[in-house]
Every structure is written in structure tokens, then in C-alpha cells.
Amino acid sequence: MNIASNVSVAEYSIVGATDGSEKAGSIGQGSSIGSFCHIAQSVVLGEHVHVDNYVRVGAGSVVGDRTRLLFNATIDQRAKIGMDCIISGNIPNDVVIGDFVSYQGNVAHSHRNPEIPWDEYWEPSPIIHDQCVIGVDALLIGPVEIGPRSYIGAREVVRHNIPADSVFYKGEITPLKMWRGIIQVRTRERMAIV
């Protein structure tokens, strides 16, 4: 694993854990890894990524510049996370998350055929486009797609695609413009990022 010279790694973390991949991962300049983290050898963390304590990042995952992985987040294999995101909760295999996303939810594969062995089963994963907010404990089930600038309320269960510029709250989809002044889309300027 290629680690930039000014990366900080706190005590009791494993960085570059063998994952069976032939690819070498990397950690970009200015990034920090908290305590008790597990980062696989083929992971790519961009510049100024902050990994909080007890975070796991699985093989082949990519995390964009200035993203924050919050306490106890679990990123499974081959997940793609964009720049300037705030990530909590679990991100299973192959999930794709765009830039400026706030994610505090959970994802469950639908597992429509229970007879397929667990390790052999694969299905498409959710895609969360740029500038979305996934509320605390929201559950995305199966290969759903969340359109750009959409908001999923806390504890909502999403089983179908959500269009761009929408709010999914209390089981209903409404246009984001109806929430003007209540919900704001994340941008670099609002975040005052370094």
C-alpha cells in the first residue's frame, strides 16, 4: 500500500491488511486514520480523508478526497464513495455514492433467491447520486437508485428508485422545491472545506 508521508494513523489500527488482491491501494496526503480501524491493502483513500475510530474499509473500495468516514462505519468490498461526503452506517459491496452525499443509513440486498449460497450470491447495489442526504437509519433495499439532490428521511424504507430533486418522507415522494428553506443541498461553498 502506498501511504503519503503526512498521513496519520492512530494506535491499534491495521492499514494495508491482506485482502487477496494483487492491486496496491493508497492513502492520499493529509488523510488521518483513527484508532481500531481496518483498512484493506487494495483500498484507495483520496487526499484529506478522515477515518474515525472503529471504521472498516473492505477490499477494492475507493473513497474520494475530503470525505469523512464517521465512527464505526463499515464499507464493504468494491464500494465507490465520491468527494466531500459524510458517511456513517453500513455500505455493502459495490454500492456507488456520488459527491457531497451525507449518508447515515443502511443497505440490504433483497436476496430474492434464498437457495443460492451466501458467498456466491450477487445482485446490483444501490446508486446514490451527487448531493443526496440519506437520513439516520434509512434502509435502502436492493438495487435502488437515488437521484441527484434527493433527500431520504430518517428511518424511511426505500424499495424503489427516487427521482432527482425529491424528498422521500413518510412513505411519499414530493418535489424538493416544496421543502425550500427547510432542506438545503450540500455544496462546497456551504461546507467551507479546506
Protein backbone atom coordinates (compact mmCIF):
# COMPACT_ATOMS: atom_id res chain seq x y z
CA MET A 1 0.00 0.00 0.00
CA ASN A 2 1.28 3.47 -0.90
CA ILE A 3 0.83 5.86 2.01
CA ALA A 4 1.63 9.57 1.68
CA SER A 5 4.25 10.88 4.09
CA ASN A 6 1.91 13.14 6.07
CA VAL A 7 -0.82 10.58 6.80
CA SER A 8 -1.54 9.96 10.48
CA VAL A 9 -2.56 6.55 11.79
CA ALA A 10 -3.70 6.19 15.40
CA GLU A 11 -2.93 3.24 17.64
CA TYR A 12 -4.33 -0.26 17.16
CA SER A 13 -5.32 0.22 13.51
CA ILE A 14 -4.45 -2.19 10.72
CA VAL A 15 -3.66 -0.40 7.46
CA GLY A 16 -2.87 -2.48 4.37
CA ALA A 17 -4.43 -5.69 5.68
CA THR A 18 -4.00 -8.56 3.22
CA ASP A 19 -7.14 -8.96 1.14
CA GLY A 20 -6.06 -11.36 -1.60
CA SER A 21 -5.86 -8.63 -4.21
CA GLU A 22 -2.86 -8.03 -6.43
CA LYS A 23 -3.65 -4.32 -6.56
CA ALA A 24 -1.83 -1.94 -4.23
CA GLY A 25 -4.04 0.65 -2.63
CA SER A 26 -3.09 4.12 -1.50
CA ILE A 27 -3.82 6.77 1.10
CA GLY A 28 -3.57 10.37 -0.06
CA GLN A 29 -1.86 13.33 1.57
CA GLY A 30 -3.31 14.85 4.70
CA SER A 31 -5.52 11.85 5.47
CA SER A 32 -5.99 10.55 9.01
CA ILE A 33 -6.93 7.11 10.33
CA GLY A 34 -8.40 6.80 13.82
CA SER A 35 -7.91 4.01 16.35
CA PHE A 36 -9.07 0.40 15.87
CA CYS A 37 -9.60 0.74 12.10
CA HIS A 38 -9.18 -1.98 9.49
CA ILE A 39 -8.17 -0.80 6.00
CA ALA A 40 -7.63 -3.49 3.33
CA GLN A 41 -4.49 -3.40 1.13
CA SER A 42 -6.33 -2.56 -2.12
CA VAL A 43 -8.31 0.39 -0.71
CA VAL A 44 -7.80 3.83 -2.24
CA LEU A 45 -8.37 6.79 0.08
CA GLY A 46 -8.10 10.23 -1.54
CA GLU A 47 -6.42 13.30 -0.06
CA HIS A 48 -7.57 14.72 3.29
CA VAL A 49 -9.88 11.78 4.02
CA HIS A 50 -10.76 11.48 7.71
CA VAL A 51 -11.40 7.97 9.00
CA ASP A 52 -12.87 8.00 12.51
CA ASN A 53 -12.33 5.28 15.13
CA TYR A 54 -13.55 1.69 14.55
CA VAL A 55 -14.07 2.07 10.79
CA ARG A 56 -13.65 -0.87 8.40
CA VAL A 57 -12.94 -0.35 4.69
CA GLY A 58 -13.02 -3.50 2.54
CA ALA A 59 -11.01 -4.64 -0.46
CA GLY A 60 -11.16 -2.63 -3.65
CA SER A 61 -13.13 0.27 -2.18
CA VAL A 62 -12.40 3.84 -3.27
CA VAL A 63 -13.07 6.93 -1.13
CA GLY A 64 -12.83 10.42 -2.64
CA ASP A 65 -10.96 13.48 -1.39
CA ARG A 66 -12.11 15.21 1.81
CA THR A 67 -14.66 12.53 2.68
CA ARG A 68 -15.30 11.75 6.34
CA LEU A 69 -15.96 8.16 7.44
CA LEU A 70 -17.63 8.50 10.82
CA PHE A 71 -17.33 6.33 13.94
CA ASN A 72 -17.98 2.62 13.32
CA ALA A 73 -18.80 2.97 9.60
CA THR A 74 -18.46 -0.25 7.63
CA ILE A 75 -17.54 -0.03 3.96
CA ASP A 76 -17.56 -3.46 2.31
CA GLN A 77 -15.79 -4.56 -0.85
CA ARG A 78 -15.63 -2.54 -4.08
CA ALA A 79 -17.72 0.39 -2.80
CA LYS A 80 -17.16 3.71 -4.59
CA ILE A 81 -17.62 6.87 -2.50
CA GLY A 82 -17.23 10.33 -4.01
CA MET A 83 -15.58 13.51 -2.75
CA ASP A 84 -16.72 15.66 0.17
CA CYS A 85 -19.07 13.04 1.61
CA ILE A 86 -20.04 12.33 5.22
CA ILE A 87 -20.52 8.58 5.68
CA SER A 88 -21.91 6.65 8.63
CA GLY A 89 -23.70 3.32 8.86
CA ASN A 90 -23.02 0.40 6.54
CA ILE A 91 -22.14 0.41 2.85
CA PRO A 92 -22.30 -3.12 1.39
CA ASN A 93 -20.40 -4.47 -1.62
CA ASP A 94 -20.49 -2.49 -4.88
CA VAL A 95 -22.54 0.49 -3.64
CA VAL A 96 -21.83 3.69 -5.59
CA ILE A 97 -22.11 7.07 -3.85
CA GLY A 98 -21.60 10.40 -5.65
CA ASP A 99 -20.03 13.64 -4.39
CA PHE A 100 -21.35 15.77 -1.48
CA VAL A 101 -23.52 12.98 -0.07
CA SER A 102 -24.50 12.77 3.61
CA TYR A 103 -25.19 9.12 4.35
CA GLN A 104 -26.31 7.78 7.73
CA GLY A 105 -28.37 4.85 6.54
CA ASN A 106 -28.18 1.16 5.85
CA VAL A 107 -28.37 -1.01 2.76
CA ALA A 108 -29.76 -4.52 2.47
CA HIS A 109 -29.58 -6.70 -0.61
CA SER A 110 -33.00 -8.13 -1.46
CA HIS A 111 -31.80 -11.78 -1.67
CA ARG A 112 -34.78 -12.87 -3.73
CA ASN A 113 -33.46 -16.42 -4.12
CA PRO A 114 -32.69 -17.93 -0.69
CA GLU A 115 -31.36 -21.16 -2.24
CA ILE A 116 -28.19 -19.53 -3.62
CA PRO A 117 -25.26 -19.91 -1.18
CA TRP A 118 -24.40 -16.68 0.64
CA ASP A 119 -20.87 -16.34 -0.76
CA GLU A 120 -21.99 -16.98 -4.34
CA TYR A 121 -24.87 -14.53 -4.41
CA TRP A 122 -24.50 -11.19 -6.19
CA GLU A 123 -27.02 -8.57 -7.17
CA PRO A 124 -26.67 -4.94 -8.22
CA SER A 125 -26.24 -2.49 -5.37
CA PRO A 126 -27.77 0.95 -4.82
CA ILE A 127 -26.50 4.05 -6.59
CA ILE A 128 -26.74 7.31 -4.65
CA HIS A 129 -26.13 10.32 -6.88
CA ASP A 130 -24.46 13.65 -6.01
CA GLN A 131 -25.70 15.92 -3.22
CA CYS A 132 -28.14 13.46 -1.63
CA VAL A 133 -28.96 13.10 2.04
CA ILE A 134 -29.76 9.65 3.40
CA GLY A 135 -31.20 10.11 6.89
CA VAL A 136 -30.35 8.21 10.06
CA ASP A 137 -31.31 4.52 9.85
CA ALA A 138 -32.96 4.88 6.44
CA LEU A 139 -32.92 1.47 4.75
CA LEU A 140 -32.26 1.07 1.02
CA ILE A 141 -33.31 -2.40 -0.16
CA GLY A 142 -32.00 -3.90 -3.38
CA PRO A 143 -30.63 -2.12 -6.45
CA VAL A 144 -32.41 1.22 -5.97
CA GLU A 145 -31.19 4.48 -7.47
CA ILE A 146 -31.44 7.76 -5.57
CA GLY A 147 -31.47 10.71 -7.97
CA PRO A 148 -29.25 13.80 -7.56
CA ARG A 149 -30.13 16.27 -4.80
CA SER A 150 -32.69 13.95 -3.22
CA TYR A 151 -33.40 13.59 0.48
CA ILE A 152 -34.43 10.38 2.24
CA GLY A 153 -35.90 10.96 5.70
CA ALA A 154 -34.71 9.16 8.83
CA ARG A 155 -35.90 5.56 9.18
CA GLU A 156 -37.57 5.50 5.76
CA VAL A 157 -37.57 2.20 3.85
CA VAL A 158 -36.74 2.63 0.15
CA ARG A 159 -37.63 -0.23 -2.21
CA HIS A 160 -37.85 1.72 -5.47
CA ASN A 161 -35.96 4.44 -7.33
CA ILE A 162 -36.25 8.03 -6.11
CA PRO A 163 -36.15 10.71 -8.83
CA ALA A 164 -33.81 13.71 -8.82
CA ASP A 165 -34.70 16.74 -6.66
CA SER A 166 -37.12 14.77 -4.49
CA VAL A 167 -37.87 14.23 -0.82
CA PHE A 168 -38.94 10.76 0.37
CA TYR A 169 -40.61 11.26 3.74
CA LYS A 170 -43.38 9.30 5.47
CA GLY A 171 -43.50 6.93 2.50
CA GLU A 172 -44.27 9.66 -0.05
CA ILE A 173 -42.18 11.33 -2.74
CA THR A 174 -42.55 15.11 -3.04
CA PRO A 175 -40.58 17.66 -5.08
CA LEU A 176 -37.60 19.20 -3.26
CA LYS A 177 -38.85 22.70 -4.16
CA MET A 178 -41.80 22.17 -1.79
CA TRP A 179 -39.25 21.99 1.04
CA ARG A 180 -37.42 25.23 0.13
CA GLY A 181 -35.96 26.82 3.26
CA ILE A 182 -36.27 23.58 5.24
CA ILE A 183 -33.89 21.31 3.31
CA GLN A 184 -30.72 22.59 1.65
CA VAL A 185 -28.49 20.84 -0.85
CA ARG A 186 -24.85 20.41 0.23
CA THR A 187 -22.28 22.35 -1.78
CA ARG A 188 -18.59 23.03 -1.36
CA GLU A 189 -19.28 26.69 -0.51
CA ARG A 190 -21.72 25.83 2.29
CA MET A 191 -19.31 23.32 3.79
CA ALA A 192 -16.32 25.72 3.95
CA ILE A 193 -13.99 22.81 3.22
CA VAL A 194 -10.24 23.28 3.41
